[in-house]
Amino acid sequence: MGTFKIEGGHQLKGSIQPQGAKNEALQILCAVLLTPEKVTISNIPDIVDVNKLIMLLGNLGVKIQKNGPGSYTFQSDDINLKYLESEQFKEEGRGLRGSIMIVGPLLARFGKGYIPKPGGDKIGRRRLDTHFEGFIKLGAKFRYNREDYFYGVEADKLQGTYMLLDEASVTGTANIVMAAVLAEGTTTIYNAACEPYLQQLCKMLNRMGAKIRGVGSNLLRIEGVEELGGTEHRMLPDMIEIGSWIGLAAMTRSELTIKNVSWDDLGQIPDVFRKLGITVERKGDDIYVPEHKDGYEIQNYIDGSILTIADAPWPGFTPDLLSIVLVVATQARGSVLVHQKMFESRLFFVDKLIDMGAKIILCDPHRASVIGHDFKSQLKATTMVSPDIRAGISLLIAALSAKGTSTIHNIEQIDRGYENIDERLRAIGAKIVRL
């Protein structure tokens, strides 16, 4: 189990470049299975979850060529479907949440797709019903082996249909879209996810020859085609990492520039941090966060009631940044209620922040009330364990702002989502060592 040792209380300064988007990568990489032609993808983040998926694709028979940092060419012209029924696949597929998204492309192109029940973060239940209900509506037969938690779908040929998704699941929408592009006839998906990473997938598929209309809306119409061709694709910067760096700058009262953020794809993220009192300036396509010498003050609602920050499907605020918002609020002037609607275990890391001196009341598994210190009382250094990716980065930000030397164990969770994070933080002045 890896460990970070962090000497907190130091101001940072300089600029930092966000990595490619993890959540986009997991969709885009699975889409290479839809064509036997070459697909070149750039700005791929060098992180554990993405590298596991690339390895899984290689074991499935995808030819993989590394062109340079973050750039790969994939060719799926000789797929080994027997791998899907091997013990090796059951083990490797189980260790990665994003592995579920290979099922749609495999079902569409080869008539079968299998997956063991995926693992990933311990942040609560993540239903797979949306994925498989979509495949069933397209004409696939579903089976589930309860003994080894193994899912399967099979179909001679998928048929286009109308479906109303029970939730605007991003991975569910992506999986169904990848299945529908090669189905016969027209598929209509209502209550589809419409976040930027899903838009990126649809745009890439259209360049490959798919016919997807309504990109960016919650109503997608997909006219099935016989085959798809190769393409080139560059991934967006990771909006979760961008939000993490805004929070880091505020908590350490540092002057930071976040480079090349693709402002038009950030949605409500800058405005939510502004509601916490943080100055977020647009400079070209960069974000500039000045030094907050006098701290930052949370805005109440216009009637004076306490601000609530909650997650919602895009274009609402992403649930992946609520952990960051919660940490940032611990040093604000004022109070805020953080409402995590999607996952029932994601707020349980607040006990570590309370140990550091934060004033947080965990109301229930979904809601936490935070009373800010206004920097009049620094958080205290402590020893903690990272439970998941987003809690891990939040605890890291807390440690960088705290007085004294903190230790964070199980940093493999942070490495799952953040590329070379210790090196990049040292480059802007952080005192962090990987043990």
Protein backbone atom coordinates (compact mmCIF):
# COMPACT_ATOMS: atom_id res chain seq x y z
CA MET A 1 0.00 0.00 0.00
CA GLY A 2 1.56 3.30 -1.14
CA THR A 3 1.82 6.38 1.05
CA PHE A 4 2.15 10.14 0.63
CA LYS A 5 3.95 12.22 3.25
CA ILE A 6 2.79 15.84 3.04
CA GLU A 7 4.20 18.88 4.80
CA GLY A 8 1.29 21.30 4.83
CA GLY A 9 0.91 25.03 5.27
CA HIS A 10 2.96 26.14 2.25
CA GLN A 11 1.73 28.48 -0.46
CA LEU A 12 1.95 27.21 -4.02
CA LYS A 13 2.61 29.24 -7.14
CA GLY A 14 2.76 28.72 -10.88
CA SER A 15 0.71 26.92 -13.50
CA ILE A 16 -0.59 23.41 -13.87
CA GLN A 17 -1.91 21.59 -16.95
CA PRO A 18 -4.92 19.31 -16.45
CA GLN A 19 -4.61 15.75 -17.73
CA GLY A 20 -6.92 14.22 -20.29
CA ALA A 21 -10.36 13.33 -18.97
CA LYS A 22 -10.52 9.96 -17.19
CA ASN A 23 -14.27 9.54 -17.63
CA GLU A 24 -14.05 10.33 -21.35
CA ALA A 25 -11.13 7.93 -21.82
CA LEU A 26 -13.07 4.96 -20.46
CA GLN A 27 -15.81 5.52 -23.07
CA ILE A 28 -13.60 6.44 -26.03
CA LEU A 29 -11.21 3.51 -25.57
CA CYS A 30 -14.09 1.00 -25.65
CA ALA A 31 -15.35 2.53 -28.92
CA VAL A 32 -12.22 1.30 -30.76
CA LEU A 33 -13.86 -2.17 -30.68
CA LEU A 34 -16.53 -0.97 -33.13
CA THR A 35 -14.25 -0.95 -36.19
CA PRO A 36 -11.46 -3.11 -37.67
CA GLU A 37 -9.74 0.09 -38.85
CA LYS A 38 -7.14 2.14 -36.96
CA VAL A 39 -8.27 4.67 -34.35
CA THR A 40 -5.72 7.16 -32.99
CA ILE A 41 -6.47 8.83 -29.65
CA SER A 42 -4.43 11.58 -28.01
CA ASN A 43 -4.39 13.28 -24.59
CA ILE A 44 -5.01 9.92 -22.86
CA PRO A 45 -4.22 10.25 -19.13
CA ASP A 46 -1.49 7.97 -17.76
CA ILE A 47 -3.49 6.71 -14.78
CA VAL A 48 -4.17 3.29 -13.27
CA ASP A 49 -7.81 2.86 -14.39
CA VAL A 50 -7.10 3.87 -17.99
CA ASN A 51 -3.94 1.74 -18.20
CA LYS A 52 -5.92 -1.26 -16.89
CA LEU A 53 -8.48 -0.79 -19.67
CA ILE A 54 -5.75 -0.51 -22.33
CA MET A 55 -4.22 -3.74 -21.00
CA LEU A 56 -7.65 -5.43 -21.10
CA LEU A 57 -8.13 -4.33 -24.73
CA GLY A 58 -4.69 -5.76 -25.57
CA ASN A 59 -5.61 -9.10 -23.99
CA LEU A 60 -8.80 -9.05 -26.06
CA GLY A 61 -6.66 -8.93 -29.21
CA VAL A 62 -6.64 -5.18 -29.97
CA LYS A 63 -3.36 -4.14 -31.61
CA ILE A 64 -1.96 -1.21 -29.61
CA GLN A 65 0.80 1.15 -30.70
CA LYS A 66 2.09 3.90 -28.44
CA ASN A 67 2.89 6.99 -30.51
CA GLY A 68 4.17 9.18 -27.68
CA PRO A 69 3.06 10.51 -24.30
CA GLY A 70 -0.73 10.16 -24.09
CA SER A 71 -1.11 9.09 -27.73
CA TYR A 72 -2.03 5.58 -28.92
CA THR A 73 -3.25 3.92 -32.10
CA PHE A 74 -5.67 0.99 -31.70
CA GLN A 75 -6.76 -1.58 -34.29
CA SER A 76 -9.44 -4.17 -33.49
CA ASP A 77 -9.16 -6.35 -36.61
CA ASP A 78 -8.42 -9.66 -34.86
CA ILE A 79 -10.47 -9.88 -31.66
CA ASN A 80 -10.11 -12.98 -29.45
CA LEU A 81 -13.65 -13.56 -28.16
CA LYS A 82 -12.54 -16.67 -26.22
CA TYR A 83 -10.76 -14.33 -23.80
CA LEU A 84 -14.19 -13.15 -22.63
CA GLU A 85 -14.91 -16.58 -21.15
CA SER A 86 -11.50 -17.01 -19.48
CA GLU A 87 -10.68 -16.83 -15.77
CA GLN A 88 -8.13 -14.13 -16.63
CA PHE A 89 -10.89 -11.88 -18.03
CA LYS A 90 -13.11 -12.51 -15.01
CA GLU A 91 -10.28 -11.31 -12.78
CA GLU A 92 -9.19 -8.33 -14.90
CA GLY A 93 -12.69 -7.15 -15.77
CA ARG A 94 -13.77 -7.28 -12.14
CA GLY A 95 -11.02 -4.86 -11.12
CA LEU A 96 -12.18 -1.97 -13.30
CA ARG A 97 -15.47 -0.11 -13.22
CA GLY A 98 -15.12 1.12 -16.81
CA SER A 99 -14.88 -2.43 -18.19
CA ILE A 100 -18.70 -2.49 -18.43
CA MET A 101 -18.46 -0.27 -21.53
CA ILE A 102 -16.83 -2.96 -23.68
CA VAL A 103 -20.16 -4.83 -23.69
CA GLY A 104 -22.05 -2.47 -26.06
CA PRO A 105 -19.38 -2.42 -28.79
CA LEU A 106 -18.81 -6.19 -28.58
CA LEU A 107 -22.54 -6.92 -28.71
CA ALA A 108 -23.03 -4.62 -31.71
CA ARG A 109 -20.13 -5.95 -33.77
CA PHE A 110 -19.79 -9.58 -32.68
CA GLY A 111 -23.25 -10.44 -31.31
CA LYS A 112 -22.06 -11.15 -27.77
CA GLY A 113 -20.73 -9.25 -24.79
CA TYR A 114 -19.75 -10.54 -21.35
CA ILE A 115 -18.55 -8.84 -18.19
CA PRO A 116 -17.93 -9.83 -14.57
CA LYS A 117 -19.55 -7.57 -11.99
CA PRO A 118 -17.14 -4.61 -12.03
CA GLY A 119 -15.39 -3.22 -8.96
CA GLY A 120 -14.04 0.31 -8.50
CA ASP A 121 -14.80 2.88 -5.82
CA LYS A 122 -16.45 1.94 -2.54
CA ILE A 123 -18.80 4.92 -2.69
CA GLY A 124 -22.11 3.09 -2.80
CA ARG A 125 -24.17 1.07 -5.25
CA ARG A 126 -23.80 1.68 -8.96
CA ARG A 127 -26.61 -0.03 -10.81
CA LEU A 128 -26.02 -1.70 -14.16
CA ASP A 129 -29.72 -2.02 -14.96
CA THR A 130 -29.76 0.93 -17.38
CA HIS A 131 -27.06 -0.71 -19.52
CA PHE A 132 -28.69 -4.11 -19.78
CA GLU A 133 -32.27 -2.87 -20.08
CA GLY A 134 -31.09 -0.84 -23.08
CA PHE A 135 -29.45 -3.89 -24.68
CA ILE A 136 -32.59 -5.98 -24.08
CA LYS A 137 -34.74 -3.32 -25.78
CA LEU A 138 -32.38 -3.48 -28.76
CA GLY A 139 -33.15 -7.21 -28.99
CA ALA A 140 -30.39 -8.84 -26.94
CA LYS A 141 -30.94 -11.86 -24.69
CA PHE A 142 -29.65 -11.30 -21.15
CA ARG A 143 -28.26 -13.86 -18.73
CA TYR A 144 -26.66 -13.56 -15.31
CA ASN A 145 -24.67 -16.21 -13.47
CA ARG A 146 -25.19 -15.53 -9.77
CA GLU A 147 -22.45 -17.93 -8.69
CA ASP A 148 -19.59 -15.90 -10.18
CA TYR A 149 -21.44 -12.60 -10.78
CA PHE A 150 -21.04 -12.85 -14.56
CA TYR A 151 -23.28 -10.92 -16.96
CA GLY A 152 -23.85 -11.73 -20.62
CA VAL A 153 -25.86 -10.42 -23.58
CA GLU A 154 -26.20 -12.02 -27.01
CA ALA A 155 -28.01 -11.15 -30.24
CA ASP A 156 -27.83 -12.20 -33.90
CA LYS A 157 -28.63 -8.64 -34.96
CA LEU A 158 -29.71 -5.67 -32.86
CA GLN A 159 -32.86 -3.81 -33.90
CA GLY A 160 -33.40 -0.07 -33.46
CA THR A 161 -36.15 0.95 -31.06
CA TYR A 162 -37.45 3.72 -28.79
CA MET A 163 -36.36 3.75 -25.17
CA LEU A 164 -36.84 6.04 -22.18
CA LEU A 165 -33.91 5.54 -19.81
CA ASP A 166 -34.81 5.14 -16.14
CA GLU A 167 -31.89 7.42 -15.25
CA ALA A 168 -29.59 9.70 -17.25
CA SER A 169 -26.65 7.37 -16.70
CA VAL A 170 -23.50 8.54 -18.50
CA THR A 171 -21.92 5.11 -18.85
CA GLY A 172 -25.32 3.55 -19.58
CA THR A 173 -26.03 6.05 -22.35
CA ALA A 174 -22.53 5.56 -23.80
CA ASN A 175 -22.89 1.78 -23.81
CA ILE A 176 -26.33 1.86 -25.47
CA VAL A 177 -25.18 4.41 -28.07
CA MET A 178 -22.20 2.23 -29.00
CA ALA A 179 -24.54 -0.75 -29.41
CA ALA A 180 -27.15 1.20 -31.40
CA VAL A 181 -24.79 2.66 -34.03
CA LEU A 182 -24.56 -0.76 -35.72
CA ALA A 183 -28.18 -1.84 -35.12
CA GLU A 184 -30.73 -2.15 -37.93
CA GLY A 185 -33.11 0.80 -38.15
CA THR A 186 -33.41 3.86 -35.92
CA THR A 187 -32.90 4.00 -32.16
CA THR A 188 -34.32 6.87 -30.11
CA ILE A 189 -32.91 7.38 -26.60
CA TYR A 190 -34.82 9.79 -24.34
CA ASN A 191 -33.46 10.93 -20.96
CA ALA A 192 -30.00 10.32 -22.38
CA ALA A 193 -26.97 11.74 -20.56
CA CYS A 194 -25.65 14.80 -22.35
CA GLU A 195 -22.42 15.69 -20.53
CA PRO A 196 -19.40 16.84 -22.60
CA TYR A 197 -17.65 13.46 -22.49
CA LEU A 198 -20.72 11.74 -23.94
CA GLN A 199 -20.87 14.47 -26.60
CA GLN A 200 -17.22 13.73 -27.39
CA LEU A 201 -18.04 10.04 -27.87
CA CYS A 202 -20.95 10.84 -30.21
CA LYS A 203 -18.84 13.26 -32.27
CA MET A 204 -16.10 10.65 -32.59
CA LEU A 205 -18.60 7.97 -33.66
CA ASN A 206 -20.08 10.35 -36.25
CA ARG A 207 -16.58 10.89 -37.69
CA MET A 208 -16.30 7.09 -37.91
CA GLY A 209 -19.48 6.99 -40.01
CA ALA A 210 -22.25 6.75 -37.40
CA LYS A 211 -25.44 8.80 -37.79
CA ILE A 212 -26.24 10.30 -34.39
CA ARG A 213 -28.49 13.36 -34.09
CA GLY A 214 -29.31 15.43 -31.02
CA VAL A 215 -25.75 15.43 -29.64
CA GLY A 216 -25.67 17.62 -26.52
CA SER A 217 -29.38 17.09 -25.75
CA ASN A 218 -31.19 14.41 -23.75
CA LEU A 219 -32.90 13.09 -26.89
CA LEU A 220 -30.62 11.11 -29.22
CA ARG A 221 -31.66 9.62 -32.55
CA ILE A 222 -29.34 7.02 -34.01
CA GLU A 223 -29.73 5.66 -37.52
CA GLY A 224 -27.88 2.35 -37.64
CA VAL A 225 -25.12 1.82 -40.22
CA GLU A 226 -23.49 -1.33 -41.59
CA GLU A 227 -19.95 -0.54 -40.46
CA LEU A 228 -17.70 2.12 -38.97
CA GLY A 229 -14.26 3.27 -40.07
CA GLY A 230 -11.16 4.64 -38.38
CA THR A 231 -10.62 8.18 -37.08
CA GLU A 232 -8.47 10.42 -34.91
CA HIS A 233 -9.67 11.88 -31.62
CA ARG A 234 -8.28 14.22 -28.95
CA MET A 235 -9.77 14.04 -25.48
CA LEU A 236 -10.93 17.01 -23.42
CA PRO A 237 -9.08 18.10 -20.27
CA ASP A 238 -10.38 16.49 -17.08
CA MET A 239 -12.99 18.81 -15.54
CA ILE A 240 -12.73 17.01 -12.17
CA GLU A 241 -9.02 17.70 -12.04
CA ILE A 242 -9.66 21.35 -13.01
CA GLY A 243 -12.10 21.69 -10.10
CA SER A 244 -9.58 19.99 -7.81
CA TRP A 245 -6.92 22.59 -8.67
CA ILE A 246 -9.35 25.48 -8.06
CA GLY A 247 -10.03 24.03 -4.61
CA LEU A 248 -6.31 23.49 -3.97
CA ALA A 249 -5.52 27.12 -4.83
CA ALA A 250 -8.22 28.42 -2.48
CA MET A 251 -7.33 26.16 0.47
CA THR A 252 -3.60 26.97 0.30
CA ARG A 253 -4.28 30.66 -0.48
CA SER A 254 -2.10 30.30 -3.56
CA GLU A 255 -1.95 32.06 -6.91
CA LEU A 256 -2.42 29.41 -9.58
CA THR A 257 -3.09 29.30 -13.32
CA ILE A 258 -4.81 26.21 -14.69
CA LYS A 259 -3.91 25.91 -18.36
CA ASN A 260 -6.08 24.99 -21.37
CA VAL A 261 -9.26 24.08 -19.49
CA SER A 262 -11.76 24.09 -22.40
CA TRP A 263 -13.93 26.71 -20.65
CA ASP A 264 -16.99 26.05 -22.79
CA ASP A 265 -17.18 22.48 -21.46
CA LEU A 266 -16.96 23.33 -17.74
CA GLY A 267 -20.66 24.02 -17.24
CA GLN A 268 -21.46 25.20 -13.71
CA ILE A 269 -18.07 24.38 -12.18
CA PRO A 270 -16.62 27.95 -12.16
CA ASP A 271 -19.90 29.43 -10.84
CA VAL A 272 -20.20 26.91 -7.99
CA PHE A 273 -16.71 27.80 -6.76
CA ARG A 274 -17.61 31.48 -7.08
CA LYS A 275 -20.61 30.86 -4.81
CA LEU A 276 -18.09 29.67 -2.23
CA GLY A 277 -16.40 33.08 -2.56
CA ILE A 278 -13.47 31.95 -4.69
CA THR A 279 -12.27 34.25 -7.48
CA VAL A 280 -12.17 32.29 -10.74
CA GLU A 281 -11.01 34.42 -13.66
CA ARG A 282 -11.07 33.51 -17.34
CA LYS A 283 -7.86 34.36 -19.20
CA GLY A 284 -8.14 33.05 -22.74
CA ASP A 285 -8.72 29.34 -22.23
CA ASP A 286 -6.97 29.35 -18.83
CA ILE A 287 -8.36 29.72 -15.32
CA TYR A 288 -6.55 32.17 -13.05
CA VAL A 289 -7.10 31.89 -9.28
CA PRO A 290 -5.46 34.78 -7.39
CA GLU A 291 -4.07 34.53 -3.85
CA HIS A 292 -6.97 34.79 -1.41
CA LYS A 293 -5.16 36.73 1.34
CA ASP A 294 -8.41 37.64 3.09
CA GLY A 295 -10.01 34.24 2.60
CA TYR A 296 -13.32 33.66 0.81
CA GLU A 297 -16.94 34.06 1.87
CA ILE A 298 -19.83 31.73 1.01
CA GLN A 299 -22.81 33.43 -0.61
CA ASN A 300 -26.19 32.78 0.96
CA TYR A 301 -29.34 32.60 -1.14
CA ILE A 302 -30.99 35.97 -1.82
CA ASP A 303 -33.49 35.37 1.01
CA GLY A 304 -30.59 34.85 3.43
CA SER A 305 -30.98 31.08 3.78
CA ILE A 306 -27.97 28.76 3.82
CA LEU A 307 -26.43 27.82 0.46
CA THR A 308 -26.95 24.22 -0.64
CA ILE A 309 -24.64 22.67 -3.23
CA ALA A 310 -26.02 19.46 -4.70
CA ASP A 311 -25.13 17.18 -7.60
CA ALA A 312 -27.38 16.65 -10.61
CA PRO A 313 -27.14 15.17 -14.13
CA TRP A 314 -25.38 17.44 -16.63
CA PRO A 315 -25.68 20.39 -17.03
CA GLY A 316 -26.07 20.21 -13.24
CA PHE A 317 -23.03 20.10 -10.96
CA THR A 318 -20.96 16.92 -11.18
CA PRO A 319 -21.04 14.61 -8.11
CA ASP A 320 -17.30 13.99 -8.50
CA LEU A 321 -16.52 17.51 -7.24
CA LEU A 322 -18.70 17.56 -4.13
CA SER A 323 -15.85 16.12 -2.04
CA ILE A 324 -13.66 19.05 -3.15
CA VAL A 325 -16.43 21.57 -2.38
CA LEU A 326 -16.82 20.10 1.09
CA VAL A 327 -13.10 20.44 1.88
CA VAL A 328 -12.90 23.98 0.47
CA ALA A 329 -15.87 25.02 2.64
CA THR A 330 -14.01 24.05 5.83
CA GLN A 331 -11.93 27.26 5.58
CA ALA A 332 -14.59 29.60 4.15
CA ARG A 333 -16.46 32.36 5.96
CA GLY A 334 -19.98 31.09 6.44
CA SER A 335 -21.76 27.76 6.15
CA VAL A 336 -22.93 25.48 3.38
CA LEU A 337 -24.98 22.30 3.08
CA VAL A 338 -23.43 19.72 0.75
CA HIS A 339 -26.02 17.28 -0.64
CA GLN A 340 -24.59 14.21 -2.38
CA LYS A 341 -27.66 12.67 -4.01
CA MET A 342 -26.13 9.99 -6.18
CA PHE A 343 -23.97 7.82 -3.87
CA GLU A 344 -24.81 6.89 -0.30
CA SER A 345 -21.24 6.27 0.94
CA ARG A 346 -19.28 9.09 -0.63
CA LEU A 347 -19.42 11.47 2.35
CA PHE A 348 -18.11 9.00 4.91
CA PHE A 349 -14.57 10.39 4.56
CA VAL A 350 -15.59 13.50 6.55
CA ASP A 351 -14.55 11.78 9.79
CA LYS A 352 -10.95 12.30 8.68
CA LEU A 353 -11.60 16.03 8.20
CA ILE A 354 -13.29 16.24 11.60
CA ASP A 355 -10.14 14.64 13.10
CA MET A 356 -8.17 17.48 11.46
CA GLY A 357 -10.36 20.04 13.21
CA ALA A 358 -12.99 20.75 10.56
CA LYS A 359 -16.49 21.74 11.70
CA ILE A 360 -18.72 19.32 9.82
CA ILE A 361 -22.02 17.76 10.84
CA LEU A 362 -22.82 14.61 8.86
CA CYS A 363 -26.61 14.82 8.77
CA ASP A 364 -27.09 11.46 7.03
CA PRO A 365 -25.27 9.43 4.33
CA HIS A 366 -26.15 12.06 1.71
CA ARG A 367 -25.86 15.44 3.48
CA ALA A 368 -23.17 17.28 5.42
CA SER A 369 -23.34 20.74 6.94
CA VAL A 370 -20.00 22.60 6.96
CA ILE A 371 -19.20 25.60 9.16
CA GLY A 372 -16.09 27.34 7.81
CA HIS A 373 -13.08 28.36 9.94
CA ASP A 374 -12.28 31.48 7.85
CA PHE A 375 -8.59 30.44 8.23
CA LYS A 376 -8.71 31.50 11.90
CA SER A 377 -7.95 27.90 12.82
CA GLN A 378 -5.77 25.79 10.51
CA LEU A 379 -6.58 22.15 9.97
CA LYS A 380 -4.22 19.88 11.93
CA ALA A 381 -2.00 17.28 10.28
CA THR A 382 -2.97 13.65 10.79
CA THR A 383 -2.63 10.12 9.41
CA MET A 384 -5.44 8.92 7.15
CA VAL A 385 -6.39 6.36 4.50
CA SER A 386 -7.80 7.25 1.08
CA PRO A 387 -11.16 5.42 0.61
CA ASP A 388 -11.78 6.39 -3.06
CA ILE A 389 -10.39 8.62 -5.83
CA ARG A 390 -12.30 11.83 -5.07
CA ALA A 391 -12.11 11.56 -1.28
CA GLY A 392 -8.41 10.85 -1.71
CA ILE A 393 -7.71 14.08 -3.59
CA SER A 394 -9.85 15.99 -1.10
CA LEU A 395 -7.83 14.64 1.83
CA LEU A 396 -4.64 15.51 -0.07
CA ILE A 397 -5.84 19.12 -0.49
CA ALA A 398 -6.71 19.23 3.22
CA ALA A 399 -3.23 17.93 4.11
CA LEU A 400 -1.52 20.54 1.89
CA SER A 401 -3.38 23.29 3.74
CA ALA A 402 -2.93 21.80 7.24
CA LYS A 403 -0.38 22.68 9.88
CA GLY A 404 2.28 19.98 10.24
CA THR A 405 3.07 16.75 8.40
CA SER A 406 0.27 14.43 7.30
CA THR A 407 0.41 10.86 6.03
CA ILE A 408 -2.08 9.43 3.50
CA HIS A 409 -2.12 5.65 2.97
CA ASN A 410 -3.74 3.68 0.13
CA ILE A 411 -2.73 6.33 -2.41
CA GLU A 412 -3.35 3.78 -5.16
CA GLN A 413 -6.90 5.14 -5.04
CA ILE A 414 -5.60 8.64 -5.93
CA ASP A 415 -3.35 7.20 -8.66
CA ARG A 416 -6.44 5.63 -10.26
CA GLY A 417 -7.61 9.11 -11.27
CA TYR A 418 -4.68 11.55 -11.14
CA GLU A 419 -1.57 11.33 -13.30
CA ASN A 420 1.85 11.71 -11.59
CA ILE A 421 0.16 13.90 -9.00
CA ASP A 422 3.09 14.16 -6.60
CA GLU A 423 5.52 15.29 -9.35
CA ARG A 424 3.06 17.86 -10.71
CA LEU A 425 2.34 19.27 -7.25
CA ARG A 426 6.04 19.52 -6.38
CA ALA A 427 6.51 21.55 -9.57
CA ILE A 428 4.26 24.30 -8.10
CA GLY A 429 5.87 24.19 -4.65
CA ALA A 430 4.08 21.44 -2.72
CA LYS A 431 6.04 19.50 -0.10
CA ILE A 432 4.91 15.97 -0.95
CA VAL A 433 6.88 12.72 -0.98
CA ARG A 434 5.80 9.30 -2.22
CA LEU A 435 6.97 6.57 0.16
